[in-house]
């Protein structure tokens, strides 16, 4: 996992070797504003899956340490009850500047967990708020967790979180405002165009293990929906297409920066921006032109 996360040269060969060797484990993404109780919800749901005898993989995306660049491991602390279970594998990842709430190699680590034997893989995002949209690309079922006390909850419904939710979770539903939040979600759902799947709203109190069974049923129902003829094939095709575009973009950028002289050009452009000689936008345009010119002149 470290090889893959760090982009080591041998990582690609490793992923090639394991891809498709075992059926991909269903992936459940858990996202929502900070403080919504996502880690507690993940831990309780993982415990329920273990009681059913399933092996569970957890990819917990943590904030990046400003000192080491690694994950702060806050989620690992909150999942201490699972950490000694040999049939639960928890991997914390640092965002390392990646936007959208996920780390850059999340999907690759999910494939490694499938190879390990995970029956269900849970992906918890870092909790950055309204920009946590990448989880829908990585997960088969996306849970959007909101709480009555979160000032961002209603605002989140106006953002992309509304579109990516397969299941809405109103956590801390014993707090005041839970009824109003549930009604607001229902009103927002009523404005959506008709679709084969209508996201259910599940009320939970994760700290008391309340509503976890109902949440499991909602996730299972969405999984059954995905198995309907044509549904999963269409979704997977779009996800694979998007993933290929991302992989090609990354490889092209890596190849461009590895070319001789481009590192020096970047340093020079950085100095020019620092001195106020050019704007960052002009410097970026110049670098792209140099990359393109370099590629056109390079021998076959």
C-alpha atoms as a PDB file:
ATOM      1  CA  UNK A   1       0.000   0.000   0.000  1.00  0.00           C
ATOM      2  CA  UNK A   2       2.849   2.372   0.750  1.00  0.00           C
ATOM      3  CA  UNK A   3       4.384   1.626  -2.649  1.00  0.00           C
ATOM      4  CA  UNK A   4       1.093   2.454  -4.366  1.00  0.00           C
ATOM      5  CA  UNK A   5       0.363   5.532  -2.280  1.00  0.00           C
ATOM      6  CA  UNK A   6       3.846   6.931  -2.874  1.00  0.00           C
ATOM      7  CA  UNK A   7       3.726   6.209  -6.613  1.00  0.00           C
ATOM      8  CA  UNK A   8       6.763   3.896  -6.551  1.00  0.00           C
ATOM      9  CA  UNK A   9       7.910   2.540  -9.959  1.00  0.00           C
ATOM     10  CA  UNK A  10       6.921  -1.031  -9.062  1.00  0.00           C
ATOM     11  CA  UNK A  11       3.403  -0.025  -7.975  1.00  0.00           C
ATOM     12  CA  UNK A  12       1.931  -0.108 -11.472  1.00  0.00           C
ATOM     13  CA  UNK A  13       3.151  -3.666 -12.083  1.00  0.00           C
ATOM     14  CA  UNK A  14       1.678  -4.706  -8.736  1.00  0.00           C
ATOM     15  CA  UNK A  15      -1.727  -3.229  -9.602  1.00  0.00           C
ATOM     16  CA  UNK A  16      -1.620  -4.873 -13.038  1.00  0.00           C
ATOM     17  CA  UNK A  17      -0.992  -8.226 -11.387  1.00  0.00           C
ATOM     18  CA  UNK A  18      -3.885  -8.083  -8.904  1.00  0.00           C
ATOM     19  CA  UNK A  19      -6.507  -6.345 -11.061  1.00  0.00           C
ATOM     20  CA  UNK A  20      -9.472  -8.632 -11.681  1.00  0.00           C
ATOM     21  CA  UNK A  21      -8.005 -11.593  -9.784  1.00  0.00           C
ATOM     22  CA  UNK A  22     -10.830 -11.362  -7.214  1.00  0.00           C
ATOM     23  CA  UNK A  23     -14.290  -9.815  -7.500  1.00  0.00           C
ATOM     24  CA  UNK A  24     -14.182  -6.155  -6.525  1.00  0.00           C
ATOM     25  CA  UNK A  25     -15.542  -5.614  -3.022  1.00  0.00           C
ATOM     26  CA  UNK A  26     -18.535  -3.259  -2.852  1.00  0.00           C
ATOM     27  CA  UNK A  27     -17.380   0.202  -1.833  1.00  0.00           C
ATOM     28  CA  UNK A  28     -19.378   2.410   0.500  1.00  0.00           C
ATOM     29  CA  UNK A  29     -18.299   6.046   0.655  1.00  0.00           C
ATOM     30  CA  UNK A  30     -19.095   8.148   3.710  1.00  0.00           C
ATOM     31  CA  UNK A  31     -18.917  11.904   3.308  1.00  0.00           C
ATOM     32  CA  UNK A  32     -20.322  15.062   4.871  1.00  0.00           C
ATOM     33  CA  UNK A  33     -19.304  18.168   6.799  1.00  0.00           C
ATOM     34  CA  UNK A  34     -16.689  17.992   9.575  1.00  0.00           C
ATOM     35  CA  UNK A  35     -18.051  16.927  12.943  1.00  0.00           C
ATOM     36  CA  UNK A  36     -20.970  14.975  11.493  1.00  0.00           C
ATOM     37  CA  UNK A  37     -19.854  11.780  13.244  1.00  0.00           C
ATOM     38  CA  UNK A  38     -18.577   9.984  10.145  1.00  0.00           C
ATOM     39  CA  UNK A  39     -15.811   8.075  11.950  1.00  0.00           C
ATOM     40  CA  UNK A  40     -18.166   6.807  14.656  1.00  0.00           C
ATOM     41  CA  UNK A  41     -20.677   5.792  11.998  1.00  0.00           C
ATOM     42  CA  UNK A  42     -17.980   3.931  10.036  1.00  0.00           C
ATOM     43  CA  UNK A  43     -16.809   2.129  13.163  1.00  0.00           C
ATOM     44  CA  UNK A  44     -20.331   1.041  14.133  1.00  0.00           C
ATOM     45  CA  UNK A  45     -21.177  -0.086  10.608  1.00  0.00           C
ATOM     46  CA  UNK A  46     -17.921  -2.043  10.377  1.00  0.00           C
ATOM     47  CA  UNK A  47     -18.773  -3.769  13.673  1.00  0.00           C
ATOM     48  CA  UNK A  48     -22.175  -4.743  12.258  1.00  0.00           C
ATOM     49  CA  UNK A  49     -20.514  -6.204   9.160  1.00  0.00           C
ATOM     50  CA  UNK A  50     -18.089  -8.157  11.328  1.00  0.00           C
ATOM     51  CA  UNK A  51     -20.998  -9.625  13.303  1.00  0.00           C
ATOM     52  CA  UNK A  52     -22.235 -10.933   9.942  1.00  0.00           C
ATOM     53  CA  UNK A  53     -18.838 -12.567   9.390  1.00  0.00           C
ATOM     54  CA  UNK A  54     -17.649 -10.218   6.643  1.00  0.00           C
ATOM     55  CA  UNK A  55     -14.087  -9.014   6.201  1.00  0.00           C
ATOM     56  CA  UNK A  56     -13.943  -5.234   6.146  1.00  0.00           C
ATOM     57  CA  UNK A  57     -11.456  -2.835   4.602  1.00  0.00           C
ATOM     58  CA  UNK A  58     -11.463   0.803   5.699  1.00  0.00           C
ATOM     59  CA  UNK A  59      -9.747   3.641   3.858  1.00  0.00           C
ATOM     60  CA  UNK A  60      -9.843   6.655   6.171  1.00  0.00           C
ATOM     61  CA  UNK A  61      -8.667   9.847   4.527  1.00  0.00           C
ATOM     62  CA  UNK A  62      -7.186  12.113   7.203  1.00  0.00           C
ATOM     63  CA  UNK A  63      -5.927  15.697   7.062  1.00  0.00           C
ATOM     64  CA  UNK A  64      -2.273  16.072   6.129  1.00  0.00           C
ATOM     65  CA  UNK A  65       0.208  16.793   8.899  1.00  0.00           C
ATOM     66  CA  UNK A  66       1.832  20.191   8.232  1.00  0.00           C
ATOM     67  CA  UNK A  67       5.110  18.805   9.615  1.00  0.00           C
ATOM     68  CA  UNK A  68       5.490  15.330   8.088  1.00  0.00           C
ATOM     69  CA  UNK A  69       3.112  15.431   5.124  1.00  0.00           C
ATOM     70  CA  UNK A  70       1.529  12.225   6.430  1.00  0.00           C
ATOM     71  CA  UNK A  71      -1.908  11.449   7.805  1.00  0.00           C
ATOM     72  CA  UNK A  72      -2.724  12.741  11.285  1.00  0.00           C
ATOM     73  CA  UNK A  73      -4.421   9.372  12.040  1.00  0.00           C
ATOM     74  CA  UNK A  74      -7.385  10.824  13.887  1.00  0.00           C
ATOM     75  CA  UNK A  75      -9.718   8.201  12.441  1.00  0.00           C
ATOM     76  CA  UNK A  76      -7.446   5.347  13.537  1.00  0.00           C
ATOM     77  CA  UNK A  77      -7.748   6.566  17.131  1.00  0.00           C
ATOM     78  CA  UNK A  78     -11.550   6.682  16.926  1.00  0.00           C
ATOM     79  CA  UNK A  79     -11.697   3.137  15.474  1.00  0.00           C
ATOM     80  CA  UNK A  80      -9.623   1.531  18.238  1.00  0.00           C
ATOM     81  CA  UNK A  81     -12.233  -1.203  18.808  1.00  0.00           C
ATOM     82  CA  UNK A  82     -11.595  -2.484  15.282  1.00  0.00           C
ATOM     83  CA  UNK A  83      -7.830  -2.117  15.157  1.00  0.00           C
ATOM     84  CA  UNK A  84      -7.043  -5.509  16.737  1.00  0.00           C
ATOM     85  CA  UNK A  85      -9.475  -7.491  14.564  1.00  0.00           C
ATOM     86  CA  UNK A  86      -7.476  -9.536  11.995  1.00  0.00           C
ATOM     87  CA  UNK A  87     -10.430  -9.403   9.577  1.00  0.00           C
ATOM     88  CA  UNK A  88     -10.512  -5.599   9.565  1.00  0.00           C
ATOM     89  CA  UNK A  89      -7.830  -3.658   7.738  1.00  0.00           C
ATOM     90  CA  UNK A  90      -7.721   0.102   8.362  1.00  0.00           C
ATOM     91  CA  UNK A  91      -5.562   2.284   6.171  1.00  0.00           C
ATOM     92  CA  UNK A  92      -5.223   5.981   6.900  1.00  0.00           C
ATOM     93  CA  UNK A  93      -4.233   8.208   4.020  1.00  0.00           C
ATOM     94  CA  UNK A  94      -3.221  11.845   3.912  1.00  0.00           C
ATOM     95  CA  UNK A  95      -4.920  14.110   1.400  1.00  0.00           C
ATOM     96  CA  UNK A  96      -1.510  15.648   0.508  1.00  0.00           C
ATOM     97  CA  UNK A  97      -3.244  18.622  -1.042  1.00  0.00           C
ATOM     98  CA  UNK A  98      -5.745  16.581  -3.028  1.00  0.00           C
ATOM     99  CA  UNK A  99      -9.114  18.319  -3.327  1.00  0.00           C
ATOM    100  CA  UNK A 100     -12.534  16.716  -3.238  1.00  0.00           C
ATOM    101  CA  UNK A 101     -12.129  15.072   0.154  1.00  0.00           C
ATOM    102  CA  UNK A 102     -10.126  12.053  -1.060  1.00  0.00           C
ATOM    103  CA  UNK A 103      -6.475  11.218  -1.389  1.00  0.00           C
ATOM    104  CA  UNK A 104      -5.094  10.673  -4.873  1.00  0.00           C
ATOM    105  CA  UNK A 105      -4.594   6.873  -4.646  1.00  0.00           C
ATOM    106  CA  UNK A 106      -7.816   5.894  -2.879  1.00  0.00           C
ATOM    107  CA  UNK A 107      -9.196   3.736  -5.695  1.00  0.00           C
ATOM    108  CA  UNK A 108      -5.908   1.870  -6.056  1.00  0.00           C
ATOM    109  CA  UNK A 109      -5.878   1.075  -2.338  1.00  0.00           C
ATOM    110  CA  UNK A 110      -9.450  -0.205  -2.621  1.00  0.00           C
ATOM    111  CA  UNK A 111      -8.249  -2.631  -5.301  1.00  0.00           C
ATOM    112  CA  UNK A 112      -5.491  -3.837  -2.983  1.00  0.00           C
ATOM    113  CA  UNK A 113      -8.076  -4.386  -0.243  1.00  0.00           C
ATOM    114  CA  UNK A 114     -10.165  -6.470  -2.659  1.00  0.00           C
ATOM    115  CA  UNK A 115      -7.050  -8.536  -3.330  1.00  0.00           C
ATOM    116  CA  UNK A 116      -6.562  -8.938   0.427  1.00  0.00           C
ATOM    117  CA  UNK A 117     -10.067 -10.378   0.658  1.00  0.00           C
ATOM    118  CA  UNK A 118     -12.267  -7.509   1.740  1.00  0.00           C
ATOM    119  CA  UNK A 119     -15.995  -8.266   1.438  1.00  0.00           C
ATOM    120  CA  UNK A 120     -16.943  -4.600   1.893  1.00  0.00           C
ATOM    121  CA  UNK A 121     -14.672  -1.569   1.680  1.00  0.00           C
ATOM    122  CA  UNK A 122     -15.611   1.610   3.542  1.00  0.00           C
ATOM    123  CA  UNK A 123     -14.177   4.932   2.356  1.00  0.00           C
ATOM    124  CA  UNK A 124     -14.363   7.858   4.754  1.00  0.00           C
ATOM    125  CA  UNK A 125     -13.550  11.307   3.411  1.00  0.00           C
ATOM    126  CA  UNK A 126     -11.584  13.944   5.262  1.00  0.00           C
ATOM    127  CA  UNK A 127     -14.615  16.113   5.981  1.00  0.00           C
ATOM    128  CA  UNK A 128     -13.826  19.253   4.011  1.00  0.00           C
ATOM    129  CA  UNK A 129     -17.465  20.240   3.544  1.00  0.00           C
ATOM    130  CA  UNK A 130     -19.064  21.017   0.213  1.00  0.00           C
ATOM    131  CA  UNK A 131     -16.203  19.926  -2.037  1.00  0.00           C
ATOM    132  CA  UNK A 132     -16.204  16.235  -1.053  1.00  0.00           C
ATOM    133  CA  UNK A 133     -17.445  15.053  -4.417  1.00  0.00           C
ATOM    134  CA  UNK A 134     -14.683  12.663  -5.484  1.00  0.00           C
ATOM    135  CA  UNK A 135     -16.054   9.961  -3.191  1.00  0.00           C
ATOM    136  CA  UNK A 136     -18.931   9.358  -5.617  1.00  0.00           C
ATOM    137  CA  UNK A 137     -16.369   8.423  -8.249  1.00  0.00           C
ATOM    138  CA  UNK A 138     -14.624   5.924  -5.973  1.00  0.00           C
ATOM    139  CA  UNK A 139     -17.659   4.388  -4.228  1.00  0.00           C
ATOM    140  CA  UNK A 140     -20.558   2.231  -5.398  1.00  0.00           C
ATOM    141  CA  UNK A 141     -22.858   3.624  -2.690  1.00  0.00           C
ATOM    142  CA  UNK A 142     -22.355   7.116  -1.284  1.00  0.00           C
ATOM    143  CA  UNK A 143     -23.665   8.120   2.136  1.00  0.00           C
ATOM    144  CA  UNK A 144     -24.011  11.829   2.867  1.00  0.00           C
ATOM    145  CA  UNK A 145     -23.972  12.348   6.637  1.00  0.00           C
ATOM    146  CA  UNK A 146     -25.523  15.521   8.050  1.00  0.00           C
ATOM    147  CA  UNK A 147     -26.359  16.635  11.579  1.00  0.00           C
ATOM    148  CA  UNK A 148     -28.977  19.064  12.918  1.00  0.00           C
ATOM    149  CA  UNK A 149     -26.344  21.169  14.640  1.00  0.00           C
ATOM    150  CA  UNK A 150     -24.184  21.639  11.556  1.00  0.00           C
ATOM    151  CA  UNK A 151     -24.462  25.129  10.137  1.00  0.00           C
ATOM    152  CA  UNK A 152     -23.321  23.748   6.791  1.00  0.00           C
ATOM    153  CA  UNK A 153     -26.051  21.101   6.605  1.00  0.00           C
ATOM    154  CA  UNK A 154     -28.686  23.044   4.666  1.00  0.00           C
ATOM    155  CA  UNK A 155     -26.013  24.806   2.641  1.00  0.00           C
ATOM    156  CA  UNK A 156     -24.615  21.398   1.686  1.00  0.00           C
ATOM    157  CA  UNK A 157     -27.973  20.474   0.170  1.00  0.00           C
ATOM    158  CA  UNK A 158     -27.542  23.344  -2.287  1.00  0.00           C
ATOM    159  CA  UNK A 159     -24.113  22.119  -3.310  1.00  0.00           C
ATOM    160  CA  UNK A 160     -22.914  18.977  -5.063  1.00  0.00           C
ATOM    161  CA  UNK A 161     -23.508  16.748  -2.039  1.00  0.00           C
ATOM    162  CA  UNK A 162     -27.188  16.691  -2.916  1.00  0.00           C
ATOM    163  CA  UNK A 163     -26.475  15.142  -6.302  1.00  0.00           C
ATOM    164  CA  UNK A 164     -24.011  12.486  -5.175  1.00  0.00           C
ATOM    165  CA  UNK A 165     -26.020  11.026  -2.265  1.00  0.00           C
ATOM    166  CA  UNK A 166     -27.374   7.501  -2.637  1.00  0.00           C
ATOM    167  CA  UNK A 167     -28.398   7.494   1.029  1.00  0.00           C
ATOM    168  CA  UNK A 168     -28.853  10.472   3.358  1.00  0.00           C
ATOM    169  CA  UNK A 169     -27.945   9.941   7.009  1.00  0.00           C
ATOM    170  CA  UNK A 170     -29.230  12.330   9.665  1.00  0.00           C
ATOM    171  CA  UNK A 171     -26.815  11.522  12.471  1.00  0.00           C
ATOM    172  CA  UNK A 172     -27.192  12.774  16.054  1.00  0.00           C
ATOM    173  CA  UNK A 173     -30.913  12.619  15.377  1.00  0.00           C
ATOM    174  CA  UNK A 174     -31.692  12.934  19.080  1.00  0.00           C
ATOM    175  CA  UNK A 175     -30.585  16.581  18.911  1.00  0.00           C
ATOM    176  CA  UNK A 176     -33.033  19.402  18.368  1.00  0.00           C
ATOM    177  CA  UNK A 177     -33.522  20.297  14.730  1.00  0.00           C
ATOM    178  CA  UNK A 178     -33.429  16.712  13.430  1.00  0.00           C
ATOM    179  CA  UNK A 179     -37.051  16.871  12.256  1.00  0.00           C
ATOM    180  CA  UNK A 180     -36.433  20.156  10.432  1.00  0.00           C
ATOM    181  CA  UNK A 181     -33.300  18.796   8.752  1.00  0.00           C
ATOM    182  CA  UNK A 182     -35.128  15.641   7.654  1.00  0.00           C
ATOM    183  CA  UNK A 183     -37.952  17.764   6.224  1.00  0.00           C
ATOM    184  CA  UNK A 184     -35.422  19.979   4.404  1.00  0.00           C
ATOM    185  CA  UNK A 185     -33.803  16.940   2.792  1.00  0.00           C
ATOM    186  CA  UNK A 186     -37.198  15.609   1.717  1.00  0.00           C
ATOM    187  CA  UNK A 187     -38.070  18.994   0.184  1.00  0.00           C
ATOM    188  CA  UNK A 188     -34.773  19.070  -1.682  1.00  0.00           C
ATOM    189  CA  UNK A 189     -35.311  15.525  -2.950  1.00  0.00           C
ATOM    190  CA  UNK A 190     -38.763  16.479  -4.231  1.00  0.00           C
ATOM    191  CA  UNK A 191     -37.119  19.005  -6.563  1.00  0.00           C
ATOM    192  CA  UNK A 192     -34.945  16.357  -8.196  1.00  0.00           C
ATOM    193  CA  UNK A 193     -36.079  14.930 -11.524  1.00  0.00           C
ATOM    194  CA  UNK A 194     -37.543  11.404 -11.423  1.00  0.00           C
ATOM    195  CA  UNK A 195     -34.888   8.699 -11.294  1.00  0.00           C
ATOM    196  CA  UNK A 196     -34.780   4.909 -10.847  1.00  0.00           C
ATOM    197  CA  UNK A 197     -33.280   5.352  -7.357  1.00  0.00           C
ATOM    198  CA  UNK A 198     -34.677   7.754  -4.769  1.00  0.00           C
ATOM    199  CA  UNK A 199     -32.212   8.260  -1.876  1.00  0.00           C
ATOM    200  CA  UNK A 200     -33.707   7.172   1.454  1.00  0.00           C
ATOM    201  CA  UNK A 201     -33.202   9.200   4.632  1.00  0.00           C
ATOM    202  CA  UNK A 202     -31.932   7.213   7.610  1.00  0.00           C
ATOM    203  CA  UNK A 203     -31.827   8.704  11.107  1.00  0.00           C
ATOM    204  CA  UNK A 204     -29.029   7.465  13.358  1.00  0.00           C
ATOM    205  CA  UNK A 205     -27.412   8.087  16.714  1.00  0.00           C
ATOM    206  CA  UNK A 206     -24.045   6.490  16.051  1.00  0.00           C
ATOM    207  CA  UNK A 207     -22.762   6.933  19.606  1.00  0.00           C
ATOM    208  CA  UNK A 208     -25.694   4.814  20.823  1.00  0.00           C
ATOM    209  CA  UNK A 209     -25.593   2.366  17.890  1.00  0.00           C
ATOM    210  CA  UNK A 210     -29.128   3.445  16.988  1.00  0.00           C
ATOM    211  CA  UNK A 211     -30.253   3.236  13.362  1.00  0.00           C
ATOM    212  CA  UNK A 212     -27.219   1.226  12.172  1.00  0.00           C
ATOM    213  CA  UNK A 213     -29.399  -1.760  11.162  1.00  0.00           C
ATOM    214  CA  UNK A 214     -31.690   0.557   9.178  1.00  0.00           C
ATOM    215  CA  UNK A 215     -28.639   2.102   7.519  1.00  0.00           C
ATOM    216  CA  UNK A 216     -27.386  -1.366   6.580  1.00  0.00           C
ATOM    217  CA  UNK A 217     -30.754  -2.165   4.999  1.00  0.00           C
ATOM    218  CA  UNK A 218     -30.642   1.062   2.962  1.00  0.00           C
ATOM    219  CA  UNK A 219     -27.124   0.257   1.721  1.00  0.00           C
ATOM    220  CA  UNK A 220     -28.174  -3.288   0.829  1.00  0.00           C
ATOM    221  CA  UNK A 221     -31.204  -1.938  -1.062  1.00  0.00           C
ATOM    222  CA  UNK A 222     -28.988   0.358  -3.110  1.00  0.00           C
ATOM    223  CA  UNK A 223     -26.641  -2.536  -3.810  1.00  0.00           C
ATOM    224  CA  UNK A 224     -29.613  -4.559  -5.083  1.00  0.00           C
ATOM    225  CA  UNK A 225     -30.640  -1.620  -7.268  1.00  0.00           C
ATOM    226  CA  UNK A 226     -27.173  -1.570  -8.826  1.00  0.00           C
ATOM    227  CA  UNK A 227     -27.599  -5.212  -9.815  1.00  0.00           C
ATOM    228  CA  UNK A 228     -30.672  -4.447 -11.911  1.00  0.00           C
ATOM    229  CA  UNK A 229     -30.113  -4.987 -15.654  1.00  0.00           C
ATOM    230  CA  UNK A 230     -28.143  -2.166 -17.216  1.00  0.00           C
ATOM    231  CA  UNK A 231     -27.768  -0.057 -14.066  1.00  0.00           C
ATOM    232  CA  UNK A 232     -24.351  -1.204 -12.882  1.00  0.00           C
ATOM    233  CA  UNK A 233     -22.882  -1.556 -16.379  1.00  0.00           C
ATOM    234  CA  UNK A 234     -23.697   2.066 -17.240  1.00  0.00           C
ATOM    235  CA  UNK A 235     -22.376   3.410 -13.943  1.00  0.00           C
ATOM    236  CA  UNK A 236     -19.177   1.381 -14.120  1.00  0.00           C
ATOM    237  CA  UNK A 237     -18.544   2.421 -17.718  1.00  0.00           C
ATOM    238  CA  UNK A 238     -18.731   6.101 -16.779  1.00  0.00           C
ATOM    239  CA  UNK A 239     -16.520   5.594 -13.721  1.00  0.00           C
ATOM    240  CA  UNK A 240     -13.904   3.653 -15.669  1.00  0.00           C
ATOM    241  CA  UNK A 241     -13.913   6.312 -18.380  1.00  0.00           C
ATOM    242  CA  UNK A 242     -13.378   9.081 -15.818  1.00  0.00           C
ATOM    243  CA  UNK A 243     -10.662   7.065 -14.107  1.00  0.00           C
ATOM    244  CA  UNK A 244      -8.827   6.490 -17.377  1.00  0.00           C
ATOM    245  CA  UNK A 245      -8.906  10.217 -18.081  1.00  0.00           C
ATOM    246  CA  UNK A 246      -7.432  10.888 -14.638  1.00  0.00           C
ATOM    247  CA  UNK A 247      -4.710   8.253 -15.107  1.00  0.00           C
ATOM    248  CA  UNK A 248      -3.766   9.606 -18.540  1.00  0.00           C
ATOM    249  CA  UNK A 249      -3.638  13.170 -17.191  1.00  0.00           C
ATOM    250  CA  UNK A 250      -1.363  12.110 -14.321  1.00  0.00           C
ATOM    251  CA  UNK A 251       0.966  10.128 -16.581  1.00  0.00           C
ATOM    252  CA  UNK A 252       1.237  12.953 -19.102  1.00  0.00           C
ATOM    253  CA  UNK A 253       2.057  15.462 -16.379  1.00  0.00           C
ATOM    254  CA  UNK A 254       4.641  13.149 -14.833  1.00  0.00           C
ATOM    255  CA  UNK A 255       6.255  12.557 -18.220  1.00  0.00           C
ATOM    256  CA  UNK A 256       6.253  16.278 -18.991  1.00  0.00           C
ATOM    257  CA  UNK A 257       7.950  17.221 -15.698  1.00  0.00           C
ATOM    258  CA  UNK A 258      10.502  14.428 -16.068  1.00  0.00           C
ATOM    259  CA  UNK A 259      11.724  15.795 -19.373  1.00  0.00           C
ATOM    260  CA  UNK A 260      15.154  17.380 -19.226  1.00  0.00           C
ATOM    261  CA  UNK A 261      15.072  21.114 -18.533  1.00  0.00           C
ATOM    262  CA  UNK A 262      11.451  21.479 -17.446  1.00  0.00           C
ATOM    263  CA  UNK A 263      12.351  21.490 -13.750  1.00  0.00           C
ATOM    264  CA  UNK A 264      14.694  24.407 -14.383  1.00  0.00           C
ATOM    265  CA  UNK A 265      11.974  26.187 -16.348  1.00  0.00           C
ATOM    266  CA  UNK A 266       9.618  25.793 -13.422  1.00  0.00           C
ATOM    267  CA  UNK A 267      12.199  27.232 -11.032  1.00  0.00           C
ATOM    268  CA  UNK A 268      12.765  30.179 -13.349  1.00  0.00           C
ATOM    269  CA  UNK A 269       9.030  30.804 -13.703  1.00  0.00           C
ATOM    270  CA  UNK A 270       8.644  30.660  -9.915  1.00  0.00           C
ATOM    271  CA  UNK A 271      11.275  33.345  -9.471  1.00  0.00           C
ATOM    272  CA  UNK A 272       9.625  35.539 -12.105  1.00  0.00           C
ATOM    273  CA  UNK A 273       6.293  35.326 -10.320  1.00  0.00           C
ATOM    274  CA  UNK A 274       7.933  36.059  -6.955  1.00  0.00           C
ATOM    275  CA  UNK A 275       9.593  39.167  -8.406  1.00  0.00           C
ATOM    276  CA  UNK A 276       6.330  40.341  -9.929  1.00  0.00           C
ATOM    277  CA  UNK A 277       7.684  40.137 -13.469  1.00  0.00           C
ATOM    278  CA  UNK A 278       4.778  37.990 -14.652  1.00  0.00           C
ATOM    279  CA  UNK A 279       1.484  36.749 -13.250  1.00  0.00           C
ATOM    280  CA  UNK A 280       1.076  33.061 -12.270  1.00  0.00           C
ATOM    281  CA  UNK A 281      -1.401  32.689 -15.145  1.00  0.00           C
ATOM    282  CA  UNK A 282       1.022  34.007 -17.736  1.00  0.00           C
ATOM    283  CA  UNK A 283       3.812  31.854 -16.295  1.00  0.00           C
ATOM    284  CA  UNK A 284       1.588  28.772 -16.494  1.00  0.00           C
ATOM    285  CA  UNK A 285       0.704  29.532 -20.130  1.00  0.00           C
ATOM    286  CA  UNK A 286       4.401  29.904 -20.963  1.00  0.00           C
ATOM    287  CA  UNK A 287       5.217  26.590 -19.302  1.00  0.00           C
ATOM    288  CA  UNK A 288       2.457  24.807 -21.221  1.00  0.00           C
ATOM    289  CA  UNK A 289       3.734  26.283 -24.485  1.00  0.00           C
ATOM    290  CA  UNK A 290       7.282  25.149 -23.670  1.00  0.00           C
ATOM    291  CA  UNK A 291       6.023  21.652 -22.848  1.00  0.00           C
ATOM    292  CA  UNK A 292       4.072  21.456 -26.086  1.00  0.00           C
ATOM    293  CA  UNK A 293       6.957  22.785 -28.174  1.00  0.00           C
ATOM    294  CA  UNK A 294       9.355  20.369 -26.462  1.00  0.00           C
ATOM    295  CA  UNK A 295       7.084  17.452 -27.220  1.00  0.00           C
ATOM    296  CA  UNK A 296       6.638  18.426 -30.872  1.00  0.00           C
ATOM    297  CA  UNK A 297      10.398  18.706 -31.424  1.00  0.00           C
ATOM    298  CA  UNK A 298      11.355  15.544 -29.550  1.00  0.00           C
ATOM    299  CA  UNK A 299      12.555  12.671 -31.756  1.00  0.00           C
ATOM    300  CA  UNK A 300      10.322   9.613 -32.271  1.00  0.00           C
END
